[in-house]
Amino acid sequence: MNKSVYLLLFDTLSTIGSGVFTFTCSFYILQQTGSGVIFGVYLAM
């Protein structure tokens, strides 16, 4: 395959992984604090 295809695939997967990680961290904060405001602020960052 072409190197640019690999790079595009890696970029897409890393973006998805980063979004999942951010949501997981913010959901953990919500579970620990019980505050929807902190959850929303963290997601907005």
PDB file of N, CA and C in Angstrom:
ATOM      1  N   MET A   1       0.829  -1.193   0.000  1.00  0.00           N
ATOM      2  CA  MET A   1       0.000   0.000   0.000  1.00  0.00           C
ATOM      3  C   MET A   1       0.872   1.255   0.000  1.00  0.00           C
ATOM      4  N   ASN A   2       0.279   2.302  -0.360  1.00  0.00           N
ATOM      5  CA  ASN A   2       0.961   3.577  -0.406  1.00  0.00           C
ATOM      6  C   ASN A   2       1.169   4.116   1.010  1.00  0.00           C
ATOM      7  N   LYS A   3       2.285   4.799   1.271  1.00  0.00           N
ATOM      8  CA  LYS A   3       2.572   5.320   2.604  1.00  0.00           C
ATOM      9  C   LYS A   3       1.539   6.354   3.044  1.00  0.00           C
ATOM     10  N   SER A   4       1.011   7.101   2.111  1.00  0.00           N
ATOM     11  CA  SER A   4       0.015   8.108   2.481  1.00  0.00           C
ATOM     12  C   SER A   4      -1.279   7.458   2.977  1.00  0.00           C
ATOM     13  N   VAL A   5      -1.606   6.276   2.460  1.00  0.00           N
ATOM     14  CA  VAL A   5      -2.791   5.553   2.930  1.00  0.00           C
ATOM     15  C   VAL A   5      -2.574   5.095   4.368  1.00  0.00           C
ATOM     16  N   TYR A   6      -1.367   4.584   4.660  1.00  0.00           N
ATOM     17  CA  TYR A   6      -1.053   4.185   6.027  1.00  0.00           C
ATOM     18  C   TYR A   6      -1.124   5.379   6.978  1.00  0.00           C
ATOM     19  N   LEU A   7      -0.603   6.502   6.539  1.00  0.00           N
ATOM     20  CA  LEU A   7      -0.622   7.700   7.361  1.00  0.00           C
ATOM     21  C   LEU A   7      -2.049   8.167   7.610  1.00  0.00           C
ATOM     22  N   LEU A   8      -2.869   8.153   6.597  1.00  0.00           N
ATOM     23  CA  LEU A   8      -4.273   8.545   6.740  1.00  0.00           C
ATOM     24  C   LEU A   8      -5.015   7.597   7.671  1.00  0.00           C
ATOM     25  N   LEU A   9      -4.765   6.306   7.539  1.00  0.00           N
ATOM     26  CA  LEU A   9      -5.397   5.310   8.406  1.00  0.00           C
ATOM     27  C   LEU A   9      -4.957   5.513   9.855  1.00  0.00           C
ATOM     28  N   PHE A  10      -3.666   5.730  10.073  1.00  0.00           N
ATOM     29  CA  PHE A  10      -3.162   5.965  11.420  1.00  0.00           C
ATOM     30  C   PHE A  10      -3.776   7.223  12.012  1.00  0.00           C
ATOM     31  N   ASP A  11      -3.874   8.284  11.230  1.00  0.00           N
ATOM     32  CA  ASP A  11      -4.455   9.540  11.696  1.00  0.00           C
ATOM     33  C   ASP A  11      -5.905   9.344  12.105  1.00  0.00           C
ATOM     34  N   THR A  12      -6.657   8.617  11.295  1.00  0.00           N
ATOM     35  CA  THR A  12      -8.066   8.368  11.601  1.00  0.00           C
ATOM     36  C   THR A  12      -8.216   7.562  12.881  1.00  0.00           C
ATOM     37  N   LEU A  13      -7.440   6.496  13.004  1.00  0.00           N
ATOM     38  CA  LEU A  13      -7.527   5.656  14.198  1.00  0.00           C
ATOM     39  C   LEU A  13      -7.086   6.401  15.458  1.00  0.00           C
ATOM     40  N   SER A  14      -6.055   7.215  15.343  1.00  0.00           N
ATOM     41  CA  SER A  14      -5.595   7.958  16.517  1.00  0.00           C
ATOM     42  C   SER A  14      -6.615   9.015  16.936  1.00  0.00           C
ATOM     43  N   THR A  15      -7.298   9.613  15.975  1.00  0.00           N
ATOM     44  CA  THR A  15      -8.339  10.589  16.299  1.00  0.00           C
ATOM     45  C   THR A  15      -9.498   9.918  17.026  1.00  0.00           C
ATOM     46  N   ILE A  16      -9.915   8.769  16.536  1.00  0.00           N
ATOM     47  CA  ILE A  16     -11.001   8.019  17.187  1.00  0.00           C
ATOM     48  C   ILE A  16     -10.576   7.589  18.588  1.00  0.00           C
ATOM     49  N   GLY A  17      -9.359   7.071  18.703  1.00  0.00           N
ATOM     50  CA  GLY A  17      -8.854   6.641  20.006  1.00  0.00           C
ATOM     51  C   GLY A  17      -8.764   7.778  20.993  1.00  0.00           C
ATOM     52  N   SER A  18      -8.346   8.935  20.523  1.00  0.00           N
ATOM     53  CA  SER A  18      -8.248  10.100  21.392  1.00  0.00           C
ATOM     54  C   SER A  18      -9.636  10.534  21.876  1.00  0.00           C
ATOM     55  N   GLY A  19     -10.611  10.491  21.000  1.00  0.00           N
ATOM     56  CA  GLY A  19     -11.983  10.849  21.395  1.00  0.00           C
ATOM     57  C   GLY A  19     -12.548   9.888  22.419  1.00  0.00           C
ATOM     58  N   VAL A  20     -12.302   8.607  22.232  1.00  0.00           N
ATOM     59  CA  VAL A  20     -12.774   7.601  23.192  1.00  0.00           C
ATOM     60  C   VAL A  20     -12.093   7.805  24.544  1.00  0.00           C
ATOM     61  N   PHE A  21     -10.780   8.057  24.521  1.00  0.00           N
ATOM     62  CA  PHE A  21     -10.048   8.271  25.764  1.00  0.00           C
ATOM     63  C   PHE A  21     -10.568   9.505  26.503  1.00  0.00           C
ATOM     64  N   THR A  22     -10.826  10.586  25.783  1.00  0.00           N
ATOM     65  CA  THR A  22     -11.343  11.808  26.394  1.00  0.00           C
ATOM     66  C   THR A  22     -12.701  11.567  27.022  1.00  0.00           C
ATOM     67  N   PHE A  23     -13.581  10.865  26.298  1.00  0.00           N
ATOM     68  CA  PHE A  23     -14.909  10.588  26.844  1.00  0.00           C
ATOM     69  C   PHE A  23     -14.811   9.692  28.067  1.00  0.00           C
ATOM     70  N   THR A  24     -13.927   8.696  28.030  1.00  0.00           N
ATOM     71  CA  THR A  24     -13.768   7.789  29.166  1.00  0.00           C
ATOM     72  C   THR A  24     -13.269   8.541  30.395  1.00  0.00           C
ATOM     73  N   CYS A  25     -12.308   9.410  30.211  1.00  0.00           N
ATOM     74  CA  CYS A  25     -11.802  10.198  31.339  1.00  0.00           C
ATOM     75  C   CYS A  25     -12.881  11.114  31.907  1.00  0.00           C
ATOM     76  N   SER A  26     -13.616  11.759  31.050  1.00  0.00           N
ATOM     77  CA  SER A  26     -14.665  12.664  31.529  1.00  0.00           C
ATOM     78  C   SER A  26     -15.788  11.895  32.218  1.00  0.00           C
ATOM     79  N   PHE A  27     -16.113  10.706  31.725  1.00  0.00           N
ATOM     80  CA  PHE A  27     -17.145   9.891  32.367  1.00  0.00           C
ATOM     81  C   PHE A  27     -16.674   9.432  33.745  1.00  0.00           C
ATOM     82  N   TYR A  28     -15.384   9.110  33.859  1.00  0.00           N
ATOM     83  CA  TYR A  28     -14.813   8.742  35.167  1.00  0.00           C
ATOM     84  C   TYR A  28     -14.931   9.915  36.147  1.00  0.00           C
ATOM     85  N   ILE A  29     -14.636  11.120  35.675  1.00  0.00           N
ATOM     86  CA  ILE A  29     -14.771  12.312  36.520  1.00  0.00           C
ATOM     87  C   ILE A  29     -16.221  12.473  36.952  1.00  0.00           C
ATOM     88  N   LEU A  30     -17.155  12.256  36.046  1.00  0.00           N
ATOM     89  CA  LEU A  30     -18.576  12.359  36.382  1.00  0.00           C
ATOM     90  C   LEU A  30     -18.951  11.342  37.454  1.00  0.00           C
ATOM     91  N   GLN A  31     -18.462  10.125  37.323  1.00  0.00           N
ATOM     92  CA  GLN A  31     -18.764   9.082  38.306  1.00  0.00           C
ATOM     93  C   GLN A  31     -18.178   9.431  39.675  1.00  0.00           C
ATOM     94  N   GLN A  32     -16.992   9.989  39.707  1.00  0.00           N
ATOM     95  CA  GLN A  32     -16.332  10.286  40.980  1.00  0.00           C
ATOM     96  C   GLN A  32     -16.896  11.526  41.664  1.00  0.00           C
ATOM     97  N   THR A  33     -17.272  12.521  40.889  1.00  0.00           N
ATOM     98  CA  THR A  33     -17.717  13.780  41.481  1.00  0.00           C
ATOM     99  C   THR A  33     -19.236  13.909  41.522  1.00  0.00           C
ATOM    100  N   GLY A  34     -19.918  13.273  40.593  1.00  0.00           N
ATOM    101  CA  GLY A  34     -21.368  13.418  40.522  1.00  0.00           C
ATOM    102  C   GLY A  34     -21.792  14.778  39.998  1.00  0.00           C
ATOM    103  N   SER A  35     -20.853  15.519  39.436  1.00  0.00           N
ATOM    104  CA  SER A  35     -21.151  16.862  38.959  1.00  0.00           C
ATOM    105  C   SER A  35     -21.192  16.898  37.439  1.00  0.00           C
ATOM    106  N   GLY A  36     -22.337  17.190  36.901  1.00  0.00           N
ATOM    107  CA  GLY A  36     -22.479  17.309  35.456  1.00  0.00           C
ATOM    108  C   GLY A  36     -21.758  18.515  34.898  1.00  0.00           C
ATOM    109  N   VAL A  37     -21.540  19.535  35.720  1.00  0.00           N
ATOM    110  CA  VAL A  37     -20.859  20.748  35.270  1.00  0.00           C
ATOM    111  C   VAL A  37     -19.402  20.430  34.940  1.00  0.00           C
ATOM    112  N   ILE A  38     -18.728  19.701  35.827  1.00  0.00           N
ATOM    113  CA  ILE A  38     -17.324  19.342  35.582  1.00  0.00           C
ATOM    114  C   ILE A  38     -17.224  18.444  34.350  1.00  0.00           C
ATOM    115  N   PHE A  39     -18.167  17.525  34.211  1.00  0.00           N
ATOM    116  CA  PHE A  39     -18.223  16.649  33.036  1.00  0.00           C
ATOM    117  C   PHE A  39     -18.313  17.475  31.760  1.00  0.00           C
ATOM    118  N   GLY A  40     -19.204  18.437  31.743  1.00  0.00           N
ATOM    119  CA  GLY A  40     -19.389  19.290  30.569  1.00  0.00           C
ATOM    120  C   GLY A  40     -18.174  20.155  30.277  1.00  0.00           C
ATOM    121  N   VAL A  41     -17.557  20.687  31.309  1.00  0.00           N
ATOM    122  CA  VAL A  41     -16.372  21.526  31.129  1.00  0.00           C
ATOM    123  C   VAL A  41     -15.233  20.698  30.546  1.00  0.00           C
ATOM    124  N   TYR A  42     -15.048  19.499  31.061  1.00  0.00           N
ATOM    125  CA  TYR A  42     -13.962  18.651  30.558  1.00  0.00           C
ATOM    126  C   TYR A  42     -14.182  18.276  29.092  1.00  0.00           C
ATOM    127  N   LEU A  43     -15.421  17.980  28.730  1.00  0.00           N
ATOM    128  CA  LEU A  43     -15.708  17.652  27.332  1.00  0.00           C
ATOM    129  C   LEU A  43     -15.531  18.866  26.422  1.00  0.00           C
ATOM    130  N   ALA A  44     -15.791  20.044  26.936  1.00  0.00           N
ATOM    131  CA  ALA A  44     -15.685  21.266  26.132  1.00  0.00           C
ATOM    132  C   ALA A  44     -14.235  21.652  25.854  1.00  0.00           C
ATOM    133  N   MET A  45     -13.312  21.156  26.659  1.00  0.00           N
ATOM    134  CA  MET A  45     -11.901  21.533  26.491  1.00  0.00           C
ATOM    135  C   MET A  45     -11.323  20.955  25.256  1.00  0.00           C
TER     136      MET A  45
END
